[in-house]
Amino acid sequence: MNSVEIVSWILGPLLAIMTLLFIFRIVLTWYPQVELSRFPFNLIALPTEPFLTPSRKIVPPLGGVDITPIIWVGIFSLLREILLGQQGILAMMTHVS
């Protein structure tokens, strides 16, 4: 197993987990009474908040709705496809070597 395959094995699940956490975060926006500092919601908030805080400064809420989790789902999905998809960079590197 070469280094590209190891990176793919680590990066694939990591990007999938982050995408899933942001999807959960989108669902949690439907319930504003949820306290994100309490268990189990803090398991979703802690890894996603470092991405959302700076992006909220750039992208304001639209009609009172925070769309930054949706943007991050798109970013992580795009990264996963570019890096690990059938025609992805890491996928192509594993086929070459």
PDB file of N, CA and C in Angstrom:
ATOM      1  N   MET A   1       0.852  -1.174   0.000  1.00  0.00           N
ATOM      2  CA  MET A   1       0.000   0.000   0.000  1.00  0.00           C
ATOM      3  C   MET A   1       0.898   1.238   0.000  1.00  0.00           C
ATOM      4  N   ASN A   2       0.753   2.078  -1.022  1.00  0.00           N
ATOM      5  CA  ASN A   2       1.590   3.262  -1.110  1.00  0.00           C
ATOM      6  C   ASN A   2       0.952   4.449  -0.388  1.00  0.00           C
ATOM      7  N   SER A   3       1.653   5.560  -0.362  1.00  0.00           N
ATOM      8  CA  SER A   3       1.198   6.715   0.417  1.00  0.00           C
ATOM      9  C   SER A   3      -0.085   7.326  -0.144  1.00  0.00           C
ATOM     10  N   VAL A   4      -0.280   7.274  -1.445  1.00  0.00           N
ATOM     11  CA  VAL A   4      -1.495   7.823  -2.037  1.00  0.00           C
ATOM     12  C   VAL A   4      -2.712   7.021  -1.585  1.00  0.00           C
ATOM     13  N   GLU A   5      -2.586   5.707  -1.529  1.00  0.00           N
ATOM     14  CA  GLU A   5      -3.699   4.874  -1.069  1.00  0.00           C
ATOM     15  C   GLU A   5      -3.997   5.114   0.403  1.00  0.00           C
ATOM     16  N   ILE A   6      -2.964   5.315   1.198  1.00  0.00           N
ATOM     17  CA  ILE A   6      -3.165   5.598   2.622  1.00  0.00           C
ATOM     18  C   ILE A   6      -3.903   6.917   2.799  1.00  0.00           C
ATOM     19  N   VAL A   7      -3.483   7.931   2.049  1.00  0.00           N
ATOM     20  CA  VAL A   7      -4.160   9.229   2.112  1.00  0.00           C
ATOM     21  C   VAL A   7      -5.613   9.084   1.678  1.00  0.00           C
ATOM     22  N   SER A   8      -5.865   8.300   0.654  1.00  0.00           N
ATOM     23  CA  SER A   8      -7.237   8.075   0.192  1.00  0.00           C
ATOM     24  C   SER A   8      -8.074   7.381   1.256  1.00  0.00           C
ATOM     25  N   TRP A   9      -7.504   6.403   1.932  1.00  0.00           N
ATOM     26  CA  TRP A   9      -8.222   5.677   2.989  1.00  0.00           C
ATOM     27  C   TRP A   9      -8.546   6.581   4.166  1.00  0.00           C
ATOM     28  N   ILE A  10      -7.702   7.557   4.438  1.00  0.00           N
ATOM     29  CA  ILE A  10      -7.951   8.484   5.548  1.00  0.00           C
ATOM     30  C   ILE A  10      -8.887   9.604   5.115  1.00  0.00           C
ATOM     31  N   LEU A  11      -8.626  10.174   3.950  1.00  0.00           N
ATOM     32  CA  LEU A  11      -9.363  11.336   3.479  1.00  0.00           C
ATOM     33  C   LEU A  11     -10.810  11.008   3.114  1.00  0.00           C
ATOM     34  N   GLY A  12     -11.044   9.849   2.539  1.00  0.00           N
ATOM     35  CA  GLY A  12     -12.400   9.462   2.142  1.00  0.00           C
ATOM     36  C   GLY A  12     -13.383   9.461   3.299  1.00  0.00           C
ATOM     37  N   PRO A  13     -13.113   8.684   4.349  1.00  0.00           N
ATOM     38  CA  PRO A  13     -14.033   8.692   5.489  1.00  0.00           C
ATOM     39  C   PRO A  13     -14.110  10.048   6.195  1.00  0.00           C
ATOM     40  N   LEU A  14     -12.993  10.761   6.252  1.00  0.00           N
ATOM     41  CA  LEU A  14     -12.994  12.068   6.906  1.00  0.00           C
ATOM     42  C   LEU A  14     -13.918  13.047   6.185  1.00  0.00           C
ATOM     43  N   LEU A  15     -13.821  13.107   4.861  1.00  0.00           N
ATOM     44  CA  LEU A  15     -14.696  13.988   4.094  1.00  0.00           C
ATOM     45  C   LEU A  15     -16.153  13.541   4.183  1.00  0.00           C
ATOM     46  N   ALA A  16     -16.392  12.242   4.202  1.00  0.00           N
ATOM     47  CA  ALA A  16     -17.764  11.729   4.328  1.00  0.00           C
ATOM     48  C   ALA A  16     -18.352  12.069   5.693  1.00  0.00           C
ATOM     49  N   ILE A  17     -17.577  11.934   6.737  1.00  0.00           N
ATOM     50  CA  ILE A  17     -18.051  12.244   8.088  1.00  0.00           C
ATOM     51  C   ILE A  17     -18.348  13.736   8.215  1.00  0.00           C
ATOM     52  N   MET A  18     -17.464  14.575   7.672  1.00  0.00           N
ATOM     53  CA  MET A  18     -17.707  16.013   7.747  1.00  0.00           C
ATOM     54  C   MET A  18     -18.959  16.404   6.963  1.00  0.00           C
ATOM     55  N   THR A  19     -19.175  15.797   5.811  1.00  0.00           N
ATOM     56  CA  THR A  19     -20.389  16.070   5.047  1.00  0.00           C
ATOM     57  C   THR A  19     -21.615  15.668   5.850  1.00  0.00           C
ATOM     58  N   LEU A  20     -21.570  14.513   6.469  1.00  0.00           N
ATOM     59  CA  LEU A  20     -22.682  14.036   7.287  1.00  0.00           C
ATOM     60  C   LEU A  20     -22.929  14.950   8.483  1.00  0.00           C
ATOM     61  N   LEU A  21     -21.867  15.413   9.121  1.00  0.00           N
ATOM     62  CA  LEU A  21     -22.021  16.335  10.256  1.00  0.00           C
ATOM     63  C   LEU A  21     -22.671  17.642   9.818  1.00  0.00           C
ATOM     64  N   PHE A  22     -22.303  18.147   8.660  1.00  0.00           N
ATOM     65  CA  PHE A  22     -22.926  19.370   8.173  1.00  0.00           C
ATOM     66  C   PHE A  22     -24.387  19.136   7.794  1.00  0.00           C
ATOM     67  N   ILE A  23     -24.721  17.956   7.304  1.00  0.00           N
ATOM     68  CA  ILE A  23     -26.128  17.648   7.026  1.00  0.00           C
ATOM     69  C   ILE A  23     -26.912  17.612   8.339  1.00  0.00           C
ATOM     70  N   PHE A  24     -26.332  17.001   9.371  1.00  0.00           N
ATOM     71  CA  PHE A  24     -26.978  17.026  10.688  1.00  0.00           C
ATOM     72  C   PHE A  24     -27.126  18.458  11.191  1.00  0.00           C
ATOM     73  N   ARG A  25     -26.116  19.273  10.925  1.00  0.00           N
ATOM     74  CA  ARG A  25     -26.160  20.674  11.356  1.00  0.00           C
ATOM     75  C   ARG A  25     -27.288  21.418  10.645  1.00  0.00           C
ATOM     76  N   ILE A  26     -27.520  21.095   9.366  1.00  0.00           N
ATOM     77  CA  ILE A  26     -28.635  21.696   8.634  1.00  0.00           C
ATOM     78  C   ILE A  26     -29.946  21.317   9.299  1.00  0.00           C
ATOM     79  N   VAL A  27     -30.099  20.052   9.659  1.00  0.00           N
ATOM     80  CA  VAL A  27     -31.329  19.601  10.320  1.00  0.00           C
ATOM     81  C   VAL A  27     -31.493  20.313  11.664  1.00  0.00           C
ATOM     82  N   LEU A  28     -30.399  20.510  12.389  1.00  0.00           N
ATOM     83  CA  LEU A  28     -30.491  21.187  13.685  1.00  0.00           C
ATOM     84  C   LEU A  28     -30.912  22.650  13.552  1.00  0.00           C
ATOM     85  N   THR A  29     -30.683  23.263  12.393  1.00  0.00           N
ATOM     86  CA  THR A  29     -31.133  24.647  12.219  1.00  0.00           C
ATOM     87  C   THR A  29     -32.649  24.738  12.184  1.00  0.00           C
ATOM     88  N   TRP A  30     -33.325  23.630  11.933  1.00  0.00           N
ATOM     89  CA  TRP A  30     -34.785  23.625  11.946  1.00  0.00           C
ATOM     90  C   TRP A  30     -35.328  23.665  13.371  1.00  0.00           C
ATOM     91  N   TYR A  31     -34.477  23.404  14.346  1.00  0.00           N
ATOM     92  CA  TYR A  31     -34.871  23.373  15.749  1.00  0.00           C
ATOM     93  C   TYR A  31     -34.030  24.383  16.531  1.00  0.00           C
ATOM     94  N   PRO A  32     -34.406  25.664  16.502  1.00  0.00           N
ATOM     95  CA  PRO A  32     -33.578  26.682  17.147  1.00  0.00           C
ATOM     96  C   PRO A  32     -33.513  26.552  18.672  1.00  0.00           C
ATOM     97  N   GLN A  33     -34.419  25.822  19.280  1.00  0.00           N
ATOM     98  CA  GLN A  33     -34.414  25.661  20.730  1.00  0.00           C
ATOM     99  C   GLN A  33     -33.364  24.665  21.212  1.00  0.00           C
ATOM    100  N   VAL A  34     -32.736  23.932  20.303  1.00  0.00           N
ATOM    101  CA  VAL A  34     -31.720  22.943  20.673  1.00  0.00           C
ATOM    102  C   VAL A  34     -30.468  23.666  21.173  1.00  0.00           C
ATOM    103  N   GLU A  35     -29.971  23.219  22.308  1.00  0.00           N
ATOM    104  CA  GLU A  35     -28.738  23.784  22.860  1.00  0.00           C
ATOM    105  C   GLU A  35     -27.555  22.996  22.304  1.00  0.00           C
ATOM    106  N   LEU A  36     -26.769  23.640  21.464  1.00  0.00           N
ATOM    107  CA  LEU A  36     -25.652  22.969  20.812  1.00  0.00           C
ATOM    108  C   LEU A  36     -24.510  22.661  21.763  1.00  0.00           C
ATOM    109  N   SER A  37     -24.553  23.206  22.959  1.00  0.00           N
ATOM    110  CA  SER A  37     -23.488  22.938  23.928  1.00  0.00           C
ATOM    111  C   SER A  37     -23.762  21.675  24.751  1.00  0.00           C
ATOM    112  N   ARG A  38     -24.919  21.074  24.580  1.00  0.00           N
ATOM    113  CA  ARG A  38     -25.282  19.878  25.353  1.00  0.00           C
ATOM    114  C   ARG A  38     -25.108  18.627  24.505  1.00  0.00           C
ATOM    115  N   PHE A  39     -24.791  17.521  25.188  1.00  0.00           N
ATOM    116  CA  PHE A  39     -24.649  16.222  24.547  1.00  0.00           C
ATOM    117  C   PHE A  39     -26.007  15.772  24.045  1.00  0.00           C
ATOM    118  N   PRO A  40     -26.159  15.197  22.915  1.00  0.00           N
ATOM    119  CA  PRO A  40     -25.237  14.770  21.876  1.00  0.00           C
ATOM    120  C   PRO A  40     -25.009  15.829  20.799  1.00  0.00           C
ATOM    121  N   PHE A  41     -25.666  16.979  20.934  1.00  0.00           N
ATOM    122  CA  PHE A  41     -25.584  18.000  19.891  1.00  0.00           C
ATOM    123  C   PHE A  41     -24.197  18.627  19.802  1.00  0.00           C
ATOM    124  N   ASN A  42     -23.454  18.606  20.910  1.00  0.00           N
ATOM    125  CA  ASN A  42     -22.097  19.165  20.865  1.00  0.00           C
ATOM    126  C   ASN A  42     -21.170  18.303  20.003  1.00  0.00           C
ATOM    127  N   LEU A  43     -21.495  17.035  19.806  1.00  0.00           N
ATOM    128  CA  LEU A  43     -20.705  16.177  18.913  1.00  0.00           C
ATOM    129  C   LEU A  43     -20.828  16.631  17.456  1.00  0.00           C
ATOM    130  N   ILE A  44     -21.907  17.317  17.162  1.00  0.00           N
ATOM    131  CA  ILE A  44     -22.108  17.867  15.823  1.00  0.00           C
ATOM    132  C   ILE A  44     -21.554  19.287  15.745  1.00  0.00           C
ATOM    133  N   ALA A  45     -21.756  20.057  16.795  1.00  0.00           N
ATOM    134  CA  ALA A  45     -21.370  21.472  16.772  1.00  0.00           C
ATOM    135  C   ALA A  45     -19.858  21.672  16.853  1.00  0.00           C
ATOM    136  N   LEU A  46     -19.175  20.893  17.676  1.00  0.00           N
ATOM    137  CA  LEU A  46     -17.739  21.125  17.876  1.00  0.00           C
ATOM    138  C   LEU A  46     -16.907  20.997  16.596  1.00  0.00           C
ATOM    139  N   PRO A  47     -17.073  19.957  15.783  1.00  0.00           N
ATOM    140  CA  PRO A  47     -16.251  19.889  14.568  1.00  0.00           C
ATOM    141  C   PRO A  47     -16.710  20.826  13.441  1.00  0.00           C
ATOM    142  N   THR A  48     -17.973  21.273  13.468  1.00  0.00           N
ATOM    143  CA  THR A  48     -18.468  22.098  12.367  1.00  0.00           C
ATOM    144  C   THR A  48     -18.336  23.595  12.626  1.00  0.00           C
ATOM    145  N   GLU A  49     -18.374  23.994  13.865  1.00  0.00           N
ATOM    146  CA  GLU A  49     -18.360  25.429  14.188  1.00  0.00           C
ATOM    147  C   GLU A  49     -17.107  26.156  13.700  1.00  0.00           C
ATOM    148  N   PRO A  50     -15.900  25.561  13.745  1.00  0.00           N
ATOM    149  CA  PRO A  50     -14.733  26.286  13.205  1.00  0.00           C
ATOM    150  C   PRO A  50     -14.853  26.620  11.716  1.00  0.00           C
ATOM    151  N   PHE A  51     -15.633  25.875  10.976  1.00  0.00           N
ATOM    152  CA  PHE A  51     -15.859  26.174   9.564  1.00  0.00           C
ATOM    153  C   PHE A  51     -16.968  27.217   9.404  1.00  0.00           C
ATOM    154  N   LEU A  52     -17.984  27.128  10.261  1.00  0.00           N
ATOM    155  CA  LEU A  52     -19.157  27.988  10.102  1.00  0.00           C
ATOM    156  C   LEU A  52     -18.926  29.418  10.587  1.00  0.00           C
ATOM    157  N   THR A  53     -18.165  29.591  11.655  1.00  0.00           N
ATOM    158  CA  THR A  53     -17.975  30.927  12.224  1.00  0.00           C
ATOM    159  C   THR A  53     -17.369  31.908  11.224  1.00  0.00           C
ATOM    160  N   PRO A  54     -16.239  31.587  10.570  1.00  0.00           N
ATOM    161  CA  PRO A  54     -15.712  32.556   9.602  1.00  0.00           C
ATOM    162  C   PRO A  54     -16.591  32.722   8.358  1.00  0.00           C
ATOM    163  N   SER A  55     -17.255  31.648   7.946  1.00  0.00           N
ATOM    164  CA  SER A  55     -18.077  31.755   6.737  1.00  0.00           C
ATOM    165  C   SER A  55     -19.350  32.558   6.997  1.00  0.00           C
ATOM    166  N   ARG A  56     -19.819  32.611   8.233  1.00  0.00           N
ATOM    167  CA  ARG A  56     -20.980  33.451   8.563  1.00  0.00           C
ATOM    168  C   ARG A  56     -20.648  34.936   8.435  1.00  0.00           C
ATOM    169  N   LYS A  57     -19.386  35.285   8.600  1.00  0.00           N
ATOM    170  CA  LYS A  57     -18.971  36.678   8.432  1.00  0.00           C
ATOM    171  C   LYS A  57     -18.981  37.070   6.958  1.00  0.00           C
ATOM    172  N   ILE A  58     -18.778  36.094   6.087  1.00  0.00           N
ATOM    173  CA  ILE A  58     -18.746  36.358   4.646  1.00  0.00           C
ATOM    174  C   ILE A  58     -20.136  36.250   4.035  1.00  0.00           C
ATOM    175  N   VAL A  59     -20.890  35.216   4.431  1.00  0.00           N
ATOM    176  CA  VAL A  59     -22.220  34.962   3.863  1.00  0.00           C
ATOM    177  C   VAL A  59     -23.274  35.244   4.942  1.00  0.00           C
ATOM    178  N   PRO A  60     -23.988  36.359   4.816  1.00  0.00           N
ATOM    179  CA  PRO A  60     -25.014  36.663   5.822  1.00  0.00           C
ATOM    180  C   PRO A  60     -26.228  35.745   5.657  1.00  0.00           C
ATOM    181  N   PRO A  61     -27.028  35.613   6.700  1.00  0.00           N
ATOM    182  CA  PRO A  61     -28.251  34.801   6.584  1.00  0.00           C
ATOM    183  C   PRO A  61     -29.186  35.372   5.517  1.00  0.00           C
ATOM    184  N   LEU A  62     -29.812  34.483   4.797  1.00  0.00           N
ATOM    185  CA  LEU A  62     -30.793  34.889   3.788  1.00  0.00           C
ATOM    186  C   LEU A  62     -32.188  34.717   4.368  1.00  0.00           C
ATOM    187  N   GLY A  63     -32.891  35.812   4.554  1.00  0.00           N
ATOM    188  CA  GLY A  63     -34.235  35.742   5.130  1.00  0.00           C
ATOM    189  C   GLY A  63     -34.231  35.161   6.530  1.00  0.00           C
ATOM    190  N   GLY A  64     -33.141  35.376   7.266  1.00  0.00           N
ATOM    191  CA  GLY A  64     -33.036  34.854   8.622  1.00  0.00           C
ATOM    192  C   GLY A  64     -32.582  33.410   8.702  1.00  0.00           C
ATOM    193  N   VAL A  65     -32.240  32.816   7.559  1.00  0.00           N
ATOM    194  CA  VAL A  65     -31.817  31.413   7.510  1.00  0.00           C
ATOM    195  C   VAL A  65     -30.316  31.345   7.258  1.00  0.00           C
ATOM    196  N   ASP A  66     -29.618  30.632   8.124  1.00  0.00           N
ATOM    197  CA  ASP A  66     -28.176  30.443   7.983  1.00  0.00           C
ATOM    198  C   ASP A  66     -27.920  29.388   6.910  1.00  0.00           C
ATOM    199  N   ILE A  67     -27.337  29.812   5.782  1.00  0.00           N
ATOM    200  CA  ILE A  67     -27.106  28.886   4.674  1.00  0.00           C
ATOM    201  C   ILE A  67     -25.675  28.358   4.640  1.00  0.00           C
ATOM    202  N   THR A  68     -24.843  28.770   5.596  1.00  0.00           N
ATOM    203  CA  THR A  68     -23.446  28.341   5.564  1.00  0.00           C
ATOM    204  C   THR A  68     -23.271  26.832   5.699  1.00  0.00           C
ATOM    205  N   PRO A  69     -24.090  26.098   6.481  1.00  0.00           N
ATOM    206  CA  PRO A  69     -23.912  24.636   6.484  1.00  0.00           C
ATOM    207  C   PRO A  69     -24.167  24.014   5.108  1.00  0.00           C
ATOM    208  N   ILE A  70     -25.095  24.583   4.366  1.00  0.00           N
ATOM    209  CA  ILE A  70     -25.384  24.073   3.023  1.00  0.00           C
ATOM    210  C   ILE A  70     -24.185  24.297   2.112  1.00  0.00           C
ATOM    211  N   ILE A  71     -23.574  25.466   2.240  1.00  0.00           N
ATOM    212  CA  ILE A  71     -22.388  25.770   1.437  1.00  0.00           C
ATOM    213  C   ILE A  71     -21.272  24.786   1.756  1.00  0.00           C
ATOM    214  N   TRP A  72     -21.077  24.465   3.039  1.00  0.00           N
ATOM    215  CA  TRP A  72     -20.005  23.542   3.417  1.00  0.00           C
ATOM    216  C   TRP A  72     -20.281  22.114   2.984  1.00  0.00           C
ATOM    217  N   VAL A  73     -21.545  21.713   2.935  1.00  0.00           N
ATOM    218  CA  VAL A  73     -21.870  20.389   2.377  1.00  0.00           C
ATOM    219  C   VAL A  73     -21.419  20.342   0.921  1.00  0.00           C
ATOM    220  N   GLY A  74     -21.700  21.410   0.199  1.00  0.00           N
ATOM    221  CA  GLY A  74     -21.271  21.476  -1.196  1.00  0.00           C
ATOM    222  C   GLY A  74     -19.765  21.462  -1.351  1.00  0.00           C
ATOM    223  N   ILE A  75     -19.071  22.195  -0.492  1.00  0.00           N
ATOM    224  CA  ILE A  75     -17.602  22.251  -0.570  1.00  0.00           C
ATOM    225  C   ILE A  75     -16.993  20.883  -0.287  1.00  0.00           C
ATOM    226  N   PHE A  76     -17.436  20.224   0.791  1.00  0.00           N
ATOM    227  CA  PHE A  76     -16.877  18.915   1.131  1.00  0.00           C
ATOM    228  C   PHE A  76     -17.238  17.853   0.102  1.00  0.00           C
ATOM    229  N   SER A  77     -18.441  17.932  -0.463  1.00  0.00           N
ATOM    230  CA  SER A  77     -18.821  16.984  -1.515  1.00  0.00           C
ATOM    231  C   SER A  77     -17.973  17.196  -2.764  1.00  0.00           C
ATOM    232  N   LEU A  78     -17.736  18.454  -3.108  1.00  0.00           N
ATOM    233  CA  LEU A  78     -16.904  18.760  -4.265  1.00  0.00           C
ATOM    234  C   LEU A  78     -15.464  18.297  -4.046  1.00  0.00           C
ATOM    235  N   LEU A  79     -14.929  18.561  -2.860  1.00  0.00           N
ATOM    236  CA  LEU A  79     -13.571  18.102  -2.546  1.00  0.00           C
ATOM    237  C   LEU A  79     -13.452  16.588  -2.645  1.00  0.00           C
ATOM    238  N   ARG A  80     -14.455  15.896  -2.121  1.00  0.00           N
ATOM    239  CA  ARG A  80     -14.424  14.439  -2.161  1.00  0.00           C
ATOM    240  C   ARG A  80     -14.442  13.930  -3.601  1.00  0.00           C
ATOM    241  N   GLU A  81     -15.253  14.565  -4.427  1.00  0.00           N
ATOM    242  CA  GLU A  81     -15.331  14.146  -5.821  1.00  0.00           C
ATOM    243  C   GLU A  81     -14.044  14.471  -6.577  1.00  0.00           C
ATOM    244  N   ILE A  82     -13.499  15.668  -6.347  1.00  0.00           N
ATOM    245  CA  ILE A  82     -12.272  16.067  -7.046  1.00  0.00           C
ATOM    246  C   ILE A  82     -11.096  15.185  -6.641  1.00  0.00           C
ATOM    247  N   LEU A  83     -11.024  14.837  -5.364  1.00  0.00           N
ATOM    248  CA  LEU A  83      -9.889  14.055  -4.887  1.00  0.00           C
ATOM    249  C   LEU A  83     -10.072  12.553  -5.035  1.00  0.00           C
ATOM    250  N   LEU A  84     -11.276  12.057  -4.738  1.00  0.00           N
ATOM    251  CA  LEU A  84     -11.467  10.614  -4.615  1.00  0.00           C
ATOM    252  C   LEU A  84     -12.462  10.004  -5.594  1.00  0.00           C
ATOM    253  N   GLY A  85     -13.112  10.818  -6.403  1.00  0.00           N
ATOM    254  CA  GLY A  85     -14.081  10.298  -7.365  1.00  0.00           C
ATOM    255  C   GLY A  85     -13.400   9.436  -8.422  1.00  0.00           C
ATOM    256  N   GLN A  86     -14.186   8.868  -9.333  1.00  0.00           N
ATOM    257  CA  GLN A  86     -13.628   7.998 -10.374  1.00  0.00           C
ATOM    258  C   GLN A  86     -12.545   8.700 -11.187  1.00  0.00           C
ATOM    259  N   GLN A  87     -12.742   9.973 -11.452  1.00  0.00           N
ATOM    260  CA  GLN A  87     -11.756  10.749 -12.197  1.00  0.00           C
ATOM    261  C   GLN A  87     -11.001  11.695 -11.272  1.00  0.00           C
ATOM    262  N   GLY A  88     -11.012  11.406  -9.975  1.00  0.00           N
ATOM    263  CA  GLY A  88     -10.373  12.260  -8.989  1.00  0.00           C
ATOM    264  C   GLY A  88      -8.854  12.191  -9.046  1.00  0.00           C
ATOM    265  N   ILE A  89      -8.242  13.185  -8.460  1.00  0.00           N
ATOM    266  CA  ILE A  89      -6.781  13.288  -8.491  1.00  0.00           C
ATOM    267  C   ILE A  89      -6.125  12.085  -7.823  1.00  0.00           C
ATOM    268  N   LEU A  90      -6.548  11.747  -6.627  1.00  0.00           N
ATOM    269  CA  LEU A  90      -5.922  10.614  -5.917  1.00  0.00           C
ATOM    270  C   LEU A  90      -6.264   9.283  -6.579  1.00  0.00           C
ATOM    271  N   ALA A  91      -7.468   9.181  -7.115  1.00  0.00           N
ATOM    272  CA  ALA A  91      -7.847   7.950  -7.820  1.00  0.00           C
ATOM    273  C   ALA A  91      -6.976   7.743  -9.053  1.00  0.00           C
ATOM    274  N   MET A  92      -6.732   8.819  -9.750  1.00  0.00           N
ATOM    275  CA  MET A  92      -5.867   8.736 -10.951  1.00  0.00           C
ATOM    276  C   MET A  92      -4.430   8.402 -10.564  1.00  0.00           C
ATOM    277  N   MET A  93      -3.973   8.934  -9.445  1.00  0.00           N
ATOM    278  CA  MET A  93      -2.601   8.656  -9.002  1.00  0.00           C
ATOM    279  C   MET A  93      -2.419   7.197  -8.594  1.00  0.00           C
ATOM    280  N   THR A  94      -3.456   6.578  -8.032  1.00  0.00           N
ATOM    281  CA  THR A  94      -3.329   5.175  -7.647  1.00  0.00           C
ATOM    282  C   THR A  94      -3.327   4.281  -8.881  1.00  0.00           C
ATOM    283  N   HIS A  95      -4.028   4.677  -9.935  1.00  0.00           N
ATOM    284  CA  HIS A  95      -4.053   3.857 -11.148  1.00  0.00           C
ATOM    285  C   HIS A  95      -2.760   3.980 -11.942  1.00  0.00           C
ATOM    286  N   VAL A  96      -2.098   5.102 -11.832  1.00  0.00           N
ATOM    287  CA  VAL A  96      -0.853   5.323 -12.576  1.00  0.00           C
ATOM    288  C   VAL A  96       0.281   4.506 -11.960  1.00  0.00           C
ATOM    289  N   SER A  97       0.336   4.499 -10.633  1.00  0.00           N
ATOM    290  CA  SER A  97       1.464   3.798  -9.972  1.00  0.00           C
ATOM    291  C   SER A  97       1.260   2.321  -9.849  1.00  0.00           C
TER     292      SER A  97
END
